Amino acid sequence: MKEFLVVDGYNIIFAWPEFEKYKESGLEHARSRLVSILVNYSHLSGKKIYLVFDAHQVKNHLERTETIDTVEVIYTQQGVTADAFIESMVGKLLNEGTVYVATSDWAEQGIVFGRGAYRL
């Protein structure tokens, strides 16, 4: 059975002390570092990883997905939060295998756990 990890990107960046030093120089560095960490984890774990960043407050932003090594990086469209996107994605992925969601947002953890995903 397939295993998936869905990561709330900005939530993790702002929750992990390791990223404190990257916030000062801009979020691009933090995003790149997180992608690097997740690429390594994907190779070690065998999980398919989706990294979601919300752009819901960026005017005229369309949803964009790019694959970096083994990680799919998704930027939501304007008006769509990472939480809403992740909740929808979890519903689809559960039909294909086991889903884990990494977020420190307690409300989001409760929602995805209630839908059948595991929370990290």
Protein backbone atom coordinates (compact mmCIF):
# COMPACT_ATOMS: atom_id res chain seq x y z
CA MET A 1 0.00 0.00 0.00
CA LYS A 2 1.27 3.49 -0.84
CA GLU A 3 2.17 5.98 1.84
CA PHE A 4 1.85 9.73 1.47
CA LEU A 5 3.09 12.65 3.56
CA VAL A 6 1.38 16.01 3.13
CA VAL A 7 3.26 18.91 4.72
CA ASP A 8 1.86 22.34 5.59
CA GLY A 9 4.97 24.26 4.52
CA TYR A 10 4.68 27.63 6.22
CA ASN A 11 3.26 26.02 9.34
CA ILE A 12 6.36 23.86 9.68
CA ILE A 13 8.74 26.72 8.82
CA PHE A 14 7.27 28.90 11.56
CA ALA A 15 7.12 26.04 14.09
CA TRP A 16 10.62 24.57 13.78
CA PRO A 17 13.43 26.41 15.60
CA GLU A 18 15.85 25.31 12.85
CA PHE A 19 14.21 27.79 10.47
CA GLU A 20 14.61 30.87 12.68
CA LYS A 21 17.83 31.88 10.93
CA TYR A 22 16.22 31.61 7.48
CA LYS A 23 13.26 33.87 8.27
CA GLU A 24 15.51 36.93 8.50
CA SER A 25 16.90 36.46 4.99
CA GLY A 26 13.53 35.75 3.40
CA LEU A 27 11.21 32.81 3.10
CA GLU A 28 12.79 31.55 -0.13
CA HIS A 29 15.76 30.20 1.82
CA ALA A 30 13.47 28.53 4.35
CA ARG A 31 11.35 26.97 1.59
CA SER A 32 14.45 25.64 -0.18
CA ARG A 33 15.82 24.15 3.05
CA LEU A 34 12.51 22.47 3.83
CA VAL A 35 12.35 20.99 0.33
CA SER A 36 15.89 19.65 0.78
CA ILE A 37 14.98 18.02 4.09
CA LEU A 38 11.87 16.45 2.60
CA VAL A 39 13.67 15.15 -0.49
CA ASN A 40 16.09 13.31 1.79
CA TYR A 41 13.23 12.00 3.92
CA SER A 42 11.35 10.83 0.83
CA HIS A 43 14.33 8.79 -0.32
CA LEU A 44 14.75 7.23 3.12
CA SER A 45 11.08 6.54 3.84
CA GLY A 46 9.74 5.72 0.39
CA LYS A 47 6.75 8.02 1.01
CA LYS A 48 5.37 10.28 -1.72
CA ILE A 49 5.60 13.80 -0.31
CA TYR A 50 3.45 16.81 -1.08
CA LEU A 51 4.61 20.15 0.31
CA VAL A 52 1.87 22.79 0.35
CA PHE A 53 2.45 26.54 0.62
CA ASP A 54 -0.51 28.82 0.61
CA ALA A 55 -0.62 31.91 -1.53
CA HIS A 56 -4.17 32.78 -0.56
CA GLN A 57 -3.22 36.40 0.16
CA VAL A 58 -1.18 36.88 -3.03
CA LYS A 59 -3.26 38.79 -5.56
CA ASN A 60 -3.97 37.03 -8.86
CA HIS A 61 -1.93 33.97 -7.89
CA LEU A 62 -2.90 30.80 -9.71
CA GLU A 63 -2.25 27.35 -8.29
CA ARG A 64 1.17 26.11 -9.30
CA THR A 65 2.87 22.75 -8.80
CA GLU A 66 6.49 21.88 -9.35
CA THR A 67 8.32 18.64 -8.75
CA ILE A 68 11.69 18.96 -7.06
CA ASP A 69 13.39 15.58 -7.09
CA THR A 70 10.78 13.37 -5.37
CA VAL A 71 8.74 16.13 -3.68
CA GLU A 72 5.72 17.82 -5.23
CA VAL A 73 5.67 21.45 -4.14
CA ILE A 74 2.25 23.06 -4.43
CA TYR A 75 1.47 26.78 -4.18
CA THR A 76 -2.25 27.33 -3.71
CA GLN A 77 -4.19 29.88 -5.67
CA GLN A 78 -5.37 33.20 -4.29
CA GLY A 79 -8.15 32.68 -1.77
CA VAL A 80 -7.23 29.06 -0.95
CA THR A 81 -5.47 28.35 2.32
CA ALA A 82 -3.02 25.49 2.73
CA ASP A 83 -5.42 24.00 5.29
CA ALA A 84 -8.32 23.89 2.83
CA PHE A 85 -6.09 22.47 0.10
CA ILE A 86 -4.66 19.81 2.41
CA GLU A 87 -8.12 18.76 3.62
CA SER A 88 -9.23 18.24 0.02
CA MET A 89 -6.02 16.43 -0.90
CA VAL A 90 -6.31 14.08 2.09
CA GLY A 91 -9.78 13.03 0.95
CA LYS A 92 -8.41 12.06 -2.48
CA LEU A 93 -5.21 10.38 -1.28
CA LEU A 94 -6.97 8.18 1.28
CA ASN A 95 -8.41 6.20 -1.66
CA GLU A 96 -4.85 5.33 -2.71
CA GLY A 97 -3.12 4.54 0.56
CA THR A 98 -2.10 5.71 4.01
CA VAL A 99 -1.84 9.47 4.50
CA TYR A 100 0.19 11.38 7.09
CA VAL A 101 -0.15 15.14 7.55
CA ALA A 102 2.61 17.25 9.14
CA THR A 103 1.31 20.41 10.78
CA SER A 104 1.43 22.02 14.20
CA ASP A 105 -2.06 23.49 13.67
CA TRP A 106 -4.28 21.66 16.20
CA ALA A 107 -7.50 22.42 14.33
CA GLU A 108 -6.05 21.04 11.10
CA GLN A 109 -4.75 17.95 12.91
CA GLY A 110 -8.25 17.26 14.22
CA ILE A 111 -9.85 17.61 10.81
CA VAL A 112 -7.42 15.35 8.94
CA PHE A 113 -7.41 12.82 11.78
CA GLY A 114 -11.21 12.76 11.63
CA ARG A 115 -11.02 12.01 7.91
CA GLY A 116 -8.77 9.01 8.45
CA ALA A 117 -5.27 10.45 8.00
CA TYR A 118 -2.52 10.28 10.59
CA ARG A 119 -1.16 13.50 12.01
CA LEU A 120 2.46 14.31 12.69
